[in-house]
Structure formats: C-alpha cells, structure tokens
Amino acid sequence: METLLALVTGAMVAISVYLLLQRDLVRKIIGVVILSNGIHLLIFAVGRMTRAASPLIPSGEKYPPEVVANPLSQALILTAIVIGFGLLAFSLVLIYRLHESYQSADADVLIEATLGDE
C-alpha cells in the first residue's frame, strides 16, 4: 500500500509542478491545491496507515502493544486541509478581482499592467 501511495504522491507533485509553471493564474492555484493534497498524502503515508489497532496505550504500559497509526499526522492533515481551503477561497476571489480589473488572468499581462501604471 505504501508503494502505491508513494507513486500517487509523486504523480501529484509532478502534475502540480507542471501546473505551477504555467502562465495562467487559475492553473497556478490548481497546482498549489494539487501540491498540498500530494503533501497531505505523503504525511498520511509516513504516519503509518493501519486499521489493525487504535492508537491507545493500555493502563500501566509505556508503549502500545501493536503497530498503530500515528494520530498526530492525521490531526496535522485535518488542520492543513482547513487552512488550504481558506487559502483557495481567498486566492480565487483575488484572481477574480484581478480578472475584473485587467481583463486577463495571465501572469505576464498582469505584471506588465502593474509595472506600466508606475
């Protein structure tokens, strides 16, 4: 299962790098979203994926008796998903406003328009 997750994570990072190198700002935002999802998947895979036992330590023990999933990585991913959604919503509104103002979502056109204003 970890091999499959490593391949999917690698593919998601490759796709996101390709999208981040595009000139269109909407594609850049989609690339950031795919990159964050790929990193979430990587953190999830590193935190061990198992349903065999819950991450509870019995009374009087120092360590869990079996291999368990790491709950910290799952909590980090849940927090990152919420923050990522907020970033996506803000970025889409910002791109919408830029498109309304400059009639383009192309990064080069926006840079030239802002530098030309000075």
N, C-alpha and C. Protein backbone atom coordinates (compact mmCIF):
# COMPACT_ATOMS: atom_id res chain seq x y z
N MET A 1 0.81 -1.19 0.00
CA MET A 1 0.00 0.00 0.00
C MET A 1 0.86 1.26 0.00
N GLU A 2 1.99 1.20 0.73
CA GLU A 2 2.87 2.36 0.79
C GLU A 2 3.49 2.67 -0.57
N THR A 3 3.75 1.64 -1.37
CA THR A 3 4.32 1.85 -2.70
C THR A 3 3.31 2.57 -3.59
N LEU A 4 2.07 2.18 -3.52
CA LEU A 4 1.03 2.86 -4.29
C LEU A 4 0.90 4.32 -3.87
N LEU A 5 0.92 4.57 -2.56
CA LEU A 5 0.83 5.95 -2.08
C LEU A 5 2.04 6.78 -2.51
N ALA A 6 3.22 6.16 -2.53
CA ALA A 6 4.41 6.88 -2.98
C ALA A 6 4.30 7.24 -4.46
N LEU A 7 3.78 6.34 -5.27
CA LEU A 7 3.61 6.62 -6.70
C LEU A 7 2.56 7.71 -6.94
N VAL A 8 1.46 7.63 -6.21
CA VAL A 8 0.41 8.64 -6.36
C VAL A 8 0.91 10.00 -5.90
N THR A 9 1.65 10.03 -4.80
CA THR A 9 2.21 11.29 -4.30
C THR A 9 3.18 11.88 -5.31
N GLY A 10 4.05 11.06 -5.87
CA GLY A 10 4.99 11.53 -6.89
C GLY A 10 4.28 12.07 -8.11
N ALA A 11 3.23 11.39 -8.54
CA ALA A 11 2.47 11.86 -9.70
C ALA A 11 1.78 13.19 -9.40
N MET A 12 1.23 13.32 -8.20
CA MET A 12 0.57 14.58 -7.84
C MET A 12 1.56 15.74 -7.77
N VAL A 13 2.74 15.50 -7.24
CA VAL A 13 3.76 16.55 -7.17
C VAL A 13 4.21 16.92 -8.58
N ALA A 14 4.39 15.94 -9.45
CA ALA A 14 4.80 16.22 -10.83
C ALA A 14 3.73 17.04 -11.57
N ILE A 15 2.48 16.66 -11.41
CA ILE A 15 1.39 17.41 -12.04
C ILE A 15 1.34 18.83 -11.51
N SER A 16 1.52 18.99 -10.21
CA SER A 16 1.45 20.33 -9.62
C SER A 16 2.60 21.21 -10.08
N VAL A 17 3.79 20.65 -10.22
CA VAL A 17 4.92 21.44 -10.72
C VAL A 17 4.65 21.89 -12.15
N TYR A 18 4.10 20.99 -12.96
CA TYR A 18 3.75 21.36 -14.33
C TYR A 18 2.74 22.52 -14.35
N LEU A 19 1.72 22.43 -13.50
CA LEU A 19 0.70 23.49 -13.46
C LEU A 19 1.25 24.79 -12.90
N LEU A 20 2.17 24.71 -11.94
CA LEU A 20 2.76 25.92 -11.37
C LEU A 20 3.64 26.66 -12.37
N LEU A 21 4.13 25.98 -13.37
CA LEU A 21 4.97 26.62 -14.38
C LEU A 21 4.17 27.26 -15.50
N GLN A 22 2.85 27.14 -15.47
CA GLN A 22 2.00 27.76 -16.48
C GLN A 22 1.84 29.25 -16.20
N ARG A 23 1.40 30.00 -17.22
CA ARG A 23 1.23 31.44 -17.07
C ARG A 23 -0.13 31.82 -16.51
N ASP A 24 -1.12 30.99 -16.67
CA ASP A 24 -2.47 31.29 -16.22
C ASP A 24 -2.55 31.15 -14.69
N LEU A 25 -3.09 32.15 -14.03
CA LEU A 25 -3.14 32.15 -12.57
C LEU A 25 -4.08 31.09 -12.02
N VAL A 26 -5.15 30.78 -12.74
CA VAL A 26 -6.07 29.74 -12.27
C VAL A 26 -5.35 28.38 -12.25
N ARG A 27 -4.56 28.13 -13.27
CA ARG A 27 -3.79 26.87 -13.28
C ARG A 27 -2.76 26.84 -12.16
N LYS A 28 -2.19 27.98 -11.84
CA LYS A 28 -1.24 28.04 -10.73
C LYS A 28 -1.94 27.69 -9.41
N ILE A 29 -3.14 28.20 -9.23
CA ILE A 29 -3.88 27.90 -8.00
C ILE A 29 -4.25 26.42 -7.94
N ILE A 30 -4.66 25.86 -9.06
CA ILE A 30 -4.96 24.42 -9.10
C ILE A 30 -3.69 23.62 -8.79
N GLY A 31 -2.54 24.09 -9.29
CA GLY A 31 -1.27 23.43 -8.98
C GLY A 31 -0.94 23.47 -7.50
N VAL A 32 -1.22 24.59 -6.85
CA VAL A 32 -0.98 24.70 -5.41
C VAL A 32 -1.89 23.74 -4.64
N VAL A 33 -3.14 23.63 -5.07
CA VAL A 33 -4.09 22.73 -4.40
C VAL A 33 -3.65 21.27 -4.57
N ILE A 34 -3.24 20.91 -5.78
CA ILE A 34 -2.79 19.53 -6.01
C ILE A 34 -1.51 19.25 -5.23
N LEU A 35 -0.61 20.23 -5.16
CA LEU A 35 0.62 20.05 -4.39
C LEU A 35 0.31 19.86 -2.91
N SER A 36 -0.60 20.65 -2.38
CA SER A 36 -0.93 20.49 -0.96
C SER A 36 -1.59 19.14 -0.69
N ASN A 37 -2.44 18.68 -1.61
CA ASN A 37 -3.05 17.35 -1.43
C ASN A 37 -2.00 16.24 -1.53
N GLY A 38 -1.02 16.40 -2.41
CA GLY A 38 0.05 15.42 -2.50
C GLY A 38 0.88 15.36 -1.22
N ILE A 39 1.16 16.54 -0.65
CA ILE A 39 1.91 16.57 0.60
C ILE A 39 1.08 16.00 1.75
N HIS A 40 -0.23 16.24 1.74
CA HIS A 40 -1.10 15.63 2.76
C HIS A 40 -1.03 14.12 2.67
N LEU A 41 -1.07 13.61 1.46
CA LEU A 41 -0.99 12.16 1.26
C LEU A 41 0.36 11.61 1.72
N LEU A 42 1.42 12.37 1.47
CA LEU A 42 2.75 11.96 1.93
C LEU A 42 2.81 11.90 3.45
N ILE A 43 2.31 12.93 4.11
CA ILE A 43 2.32 12.94 5.58
C ILE A 43 1.46 11.80 6.13
N PHE A 44 0.34 11.55 5.48
CA PHE A 44 -0.54 10.46 5.90
C PHE A 44 0.15 9.12 5.77
N ALA A 45 0.91 8.92 4.69
CA ALA A 45 1.61 7.65 4.48
C ALA A 45 2.76 7.48 5.47
N VAL A 46 3.44 8.57 5.79
CA VAL A 46 4.55 8.50 6.74
C VAL A 46 4.04 8.18 8.14
N GLY A 47 2.83 8.65 8.47
CA GLY A 47 2.26 8.40 9.79
C GLY A 47 1.70 7.00 9.96
N ARG A 48 1.99 6.10 9.07
CA ARG A 48 1.53 4.71 9.09
C ARG A 48 0.03 4.61 8.92
N MET A 49 -0.36 3.84 7.95
CA MET A 49 -1.78 3.61 7.69
C MET A 49 -2.13 2.21 8.14
N THR A 50 -2.88 2.11 9.17
CA THR A 50 -3.32 0.80 9.62
C THR A 50 -4.66 0.94 10.34
N ARG A 51 -5.48 -0.04 10.19
CA ARG A 51 -6.74 -0.09 10.92
C ARG A 51 -6.71 -1.23 11.93
N ALA A 52 -5.55 -1.84 12.11
CA ALA A 52 -5.46 -3.01 12.97
C ALA A 52 -5.74 -2.66 14.43
N ALA A 53 -5.24 -1.52 14.88
CA ALA A 53 -5.41 -1.16 16.29
C ALA A 53 -5.55 0.35 16.41
N SER A 54 -6.33 0.76 17.38
CA SER A 54 -6.46 2.20 17.62
C SER A 54 -5.23 2.68 18.38
N PRO A 55 -4.88 3.95 18.24
CA PRO A 55 -3.67 4.45 18.88
C PRO A 55 -3.85 4.74 20.37
N LEU A 56 -4.28 3.74 21.12
CA LEU A 56 -4.48 3.89 22.56
C LEU A 56 -3.47 3.02 23.30
N ILE A 57 -2.94 3.54 24.38
CA ILE A 57 -1.97 2.81 25.20
C ILE A 57 -2.70 2.30 26.44
N PRO A 58 -2.64 1.00 26.68
CA PRO A 58 -3.33 0.46 27.86
C PRO A 58 -2.76 1.01 29.16
N SER A 59 -3.56 0.98 30.20
CA SER A 59 -3.14 1.48 31.50
C SER A 59 -1.94 0.69 32.02
N GLY A 60 -0.94 1.41 32.49
CA GLY A 60 0.25 0.76 33.04
C GLY A 60 1.32 0.46 32.01
N GLU A 61 1.06 0.65 30.74
CA GLU A 61 2.03 0.40 29.68
C GLU A 61 2.68 1.71 29.26
N LYS A 62 3.89 1.61 28.70
CA LYS A 62 4.57 2.78 28.16
C LYS A 62 4.34 2.94 26.67
N TYR A 63 4.17 1.83 25.99
CA TYR A 63 4.03 1.83 24.54
C TYR A 63 2.80 1.01 24.15
N PRO A 64 2.23 1.30 22.97
CA PRO A 64 1.11 0.46 22.53
C PRO A 64 1.60 -0.95 22.22
N PRO A 65 0.77 -1.95 22.43
CA PRO A 65 1.20 -3.34 22.25
C PRO A 65 1.38 -3.73 20.78
N GLU A 66 0.75 -3.04 19.85
CA GLU A 66 0.82 -3.40 18.44
C GLU A 66 1.23 -2.19 17.63
N VAL A 67 1.42 -2.41 16.33
CA VAL A 67 1.70 -1.31 15.43
C VAL A 67 0.41 -0.51 15.24
N VAL A 68 0.48 0.78 15.49
CA VAL A 68 -0.71 1.62 15.40
C VAL A 68 -0.42 2.81 14.49
N ALA A 69 -1.48 3.42 14.02
CA ALA A 69 -1.35 4.63 13.21
C ALA A 69 -1.01 5.81 14.12
N ASN A 70 -0.28 6.76 13.57
CA ASN A 70 0.11 7.94 14.32
C ASN A 70 -1.01 8.98 14.23
N PRO A 71 -1.66 9.32 15.34
CA PRO A 71 -2.76 10.28 15.27
C PRO A 71 -2.29 11.71 15.04
N LEU A 72 -1.02 12.01 15.31
CA LEU A 72 -0.54 13.37 15.12
C LEU A 72 -0.55 13.76 13.65
N SER A 73 -0.14 12.86 12.79
CA SER A 73 -0.15 13.19 11.36
C SER A 73 -1.57 13.40 10.85
N GLN A 74 -2.51 12.66 11.36
CA GLN A 74 -3.90 12.84 10.94
C GLN A 74 -4.44 14.19 11.41
N ALA A 75 -4.07 14.61 12.61
CA ALA A 75 -4.51 15.92 13.11
C ALA A 75 -3.87 17.04 12.30
N LEU A 76 -2.60 16.88 11.95
CA LEU A 76 -1.92 17.89 11.15
C LEU A 76 -2.58 18.03 9.78
N ILE A 77 -2.94 16.91 9.19
CA ILE A 77 -3.55 16.94 7.86
C ILE A 77 -4.93 17.61 7.93
N LEU A 78 -5.71 17.31 8.96
CA LEU A 78 -7.03 17.96 9.08
C LEU A 78 -6.89 19.47 9.21
N THR A 79 -5.91 19.91 9.98
CA THR A 79 -5.67 21.35 10.12
C THR A 79 -5.23 21.95 8.80
N ALA A 80 -4.34 21.27 8.10
CA ALA A 80 -3.84 21.77 6.82
C ALA A 80 -4.93 21.83 5.76
N ILE A 81 -5.87 20.90 5.80
CA ILE A 81 -6.98 20.93 4.84
C ILE A 81 -7.84 22.17 5.06
N VAL A 82 -8.12 22.51 6.30
CA VAL A 82 -8.93 23.69 6.59
C VAL A 82 -8.20 24.96 6.16
N ILE A 83 -6.92 25.06 6.48
CA ILE A 83 -6.14 26.23 6.08
C ILE A 83 -6.03 26.30 4.56
N GLY A 84 -5.83 25.16 3.92
CA GLY A 84 -5.74 25.13 2.46
C GLY A 84 -7.03 25.56 1.78
N PHE A 85 -8.17 25.19 2.36
CA PHE A 85 -9.44 25.62 1.79
C PHE A 85 -9.60 27.13 1.90
N GLY A 86 -9.20 27.69 3.03
CA GLY A 86 -9.25 29.15 3.18
C GLY A 86 -8.34 29.85 2.19
N LEU A 87 -7.15 29.32 1.99
CA LEU A 87 -6.22 29.88 1.01
C LEU A 87 -6.78 29.79 -0.40
N LEU A 88 -7.42 28.67 -0.73
CA LEU A 88 -8.02 28.51 -2.05
C LEU A 88 -9.14 29.52 -2.28
N ALA A 89 -10.01 29.68 -1.30
CA ALA A 89 -11.11 30.63 -1.44
C ALA A 89 -10.59 32.06 -1.60
N PHE A 90 -9.61 32.45 -0.80
CA PHE A 90 -9.04 33.79 -0.91
C PHE A 90 -8.36 33.98 -2.26
N SER A 91 -7.61 32.99 -2.71
CA SER A 91 -6.89 33.10 -3.98
C SER A 91 -7.85 33.21 -5.16
N LEU A 92 -8.93 32.44 -5.14
CA LEU A 92 -9.90 32.51 -6.23
C LEU A 92 -10.59 33.87 -6.28
N VAL A 93 -10.91 34.43 -5.14
CA VAL A 93 -11.52 35.76 -5.10
C VAL A 93 -10.51 36.80 -5.60
N LEU A 94 -9.27 36.67 -5.21
CA LEU A 94 -8.23 37.60 -5.65
C LEU A 94 -8.03 37.52 -7.16
N ILE A 95 -8.01 36.32 -7.71
CA ILE A 95 -7.86 36.17 -9.16
C ILE A 95 -9.09 36.71 -9.88
N TYR A 96 -10.26 36.51 -9.31
CA TYR A 96 -11.48 37.05 -9.92
C TYR A 96 -11.41 38.58 -9.98
N ARG A 97 -10.97 39.20 -8.90
CA ARG A 97 -10.86 40.66 -8.88
C ARG A 97 -9.81 41.15 -9.87
N LEU A 98 -8.69 40.44 -9.98
CA LEU A 98 -7.67 40.81 -10.96
C LEU A 98 -8.21 40.68 -12.37
N HIS A 99 -8.97 39.63 -12.62
CA HIS A 99 -9.54 39.44 -13.95
C HIS A 99 -10.55 40.55 -14.27
N GLU A 100 -11.34 40.93 -13.28
CA GLU A 100 -12.29 42.02 -13.50
C GLU A 100 -11.57 43.34 -13.77
N SER A 101 -10.46 43.58 -13.10
CA SER A 101 -9.75 44.86 -13.25
C SER A 101 -8.93 44.94 -14.53
N TYR A 102 -8.24 43.84 -14.88
CA TYR A 102 -7.31 43.86 -16.00
C TYR A 102 -7.76 43.04 -17.20
N GLN A 103 -8.92 42.40 -17.13
CA GLN A 103 -9.49 41.60 -18.21
C GLN A 103 -8.58 40.44 -18.64
N SER A 104 -7.77 39.93 -17.72
CA SER A 104 -6.89 38.82 -18.04
C SER A 104 -6.51 38.09 -16.76
N ALA A 105 -6.24 36.80 -16.90
CA ALA A 105 -5.72 36.01 -15.78
C ALA A 105 -4.31 35.53 -16.08
N ASP A 106 -3.69 36.10 -17.11
CA ASP A 106 -2.33 35.75 -17.49
C ASP A 106 -1.35 36.52 -16.60
N ALA A 107 -0.39 35.81 -16.01
CA ALA A 107 0.54 36.44 -15.08
C ALA A 107 1.39 37.51 -15.75
N ASP A 108 1.85 37.27 -16.97
CA ASP A 108 2.69 38.26 -17.65
C ASP A 108 1.92 39.53 -17.97
N VAL A 109 0.69 39.40 -18.40
CA VAL A 109 -0.13 40.58 -18.70
C VAL A 109 -0.36 41.40 -17.43
N LEU A 110 -0.61 40.73 -16.32
CA LEU A 110 -0.84 41.44 -15.07
C LEU A 110 0.42 42.14 -14.59
N ILE A 111 1.57 41.52 -14.76
CA ILE A 111 2.83 42.15 -14.36
C ILE A 111 3.10 43.37 -15.21
N GLU A 112 2.91 43.25 -16.51
CA GLU A 112 3.13 44.40 -17.39
C GLU A 112 2.14 45.52 -17.08
N ALA A 113 0.90 45.18 -16.78
CA ALA A 113 -0.10 46.21 -16.48
C ALA A 113 0.23 46.93 -15.18
N THR A 114 0.70 46.20 -14.18
CA THR A 114 1.01 46.85 -12.90
C THR A 114 2.30 47.66 -13.00
N LEU A 115 3.29 47.19 -13.74
CA LEU A 115 4.52 47.95 -13.92
C LEU A 115 4.32 49.16 -14.81
N GLY A 116 3.38 49.06 -15.73
CA GLY A 116 3.09 50.18 -16.63
C GLY A 116 2.36 51.31 -15.93
N ASP A 117 1.70 51.01 -14.79
CA ASP A 117 0.96 52.03 -14.05
C ASP A 117 1.90 52.98 -13.31
N GLU A 118 3.12 52.55 -13.03
CA GLU A 118 4.04 53.38 -12.22
C GLU A 118 4.70 54.44 -13.04
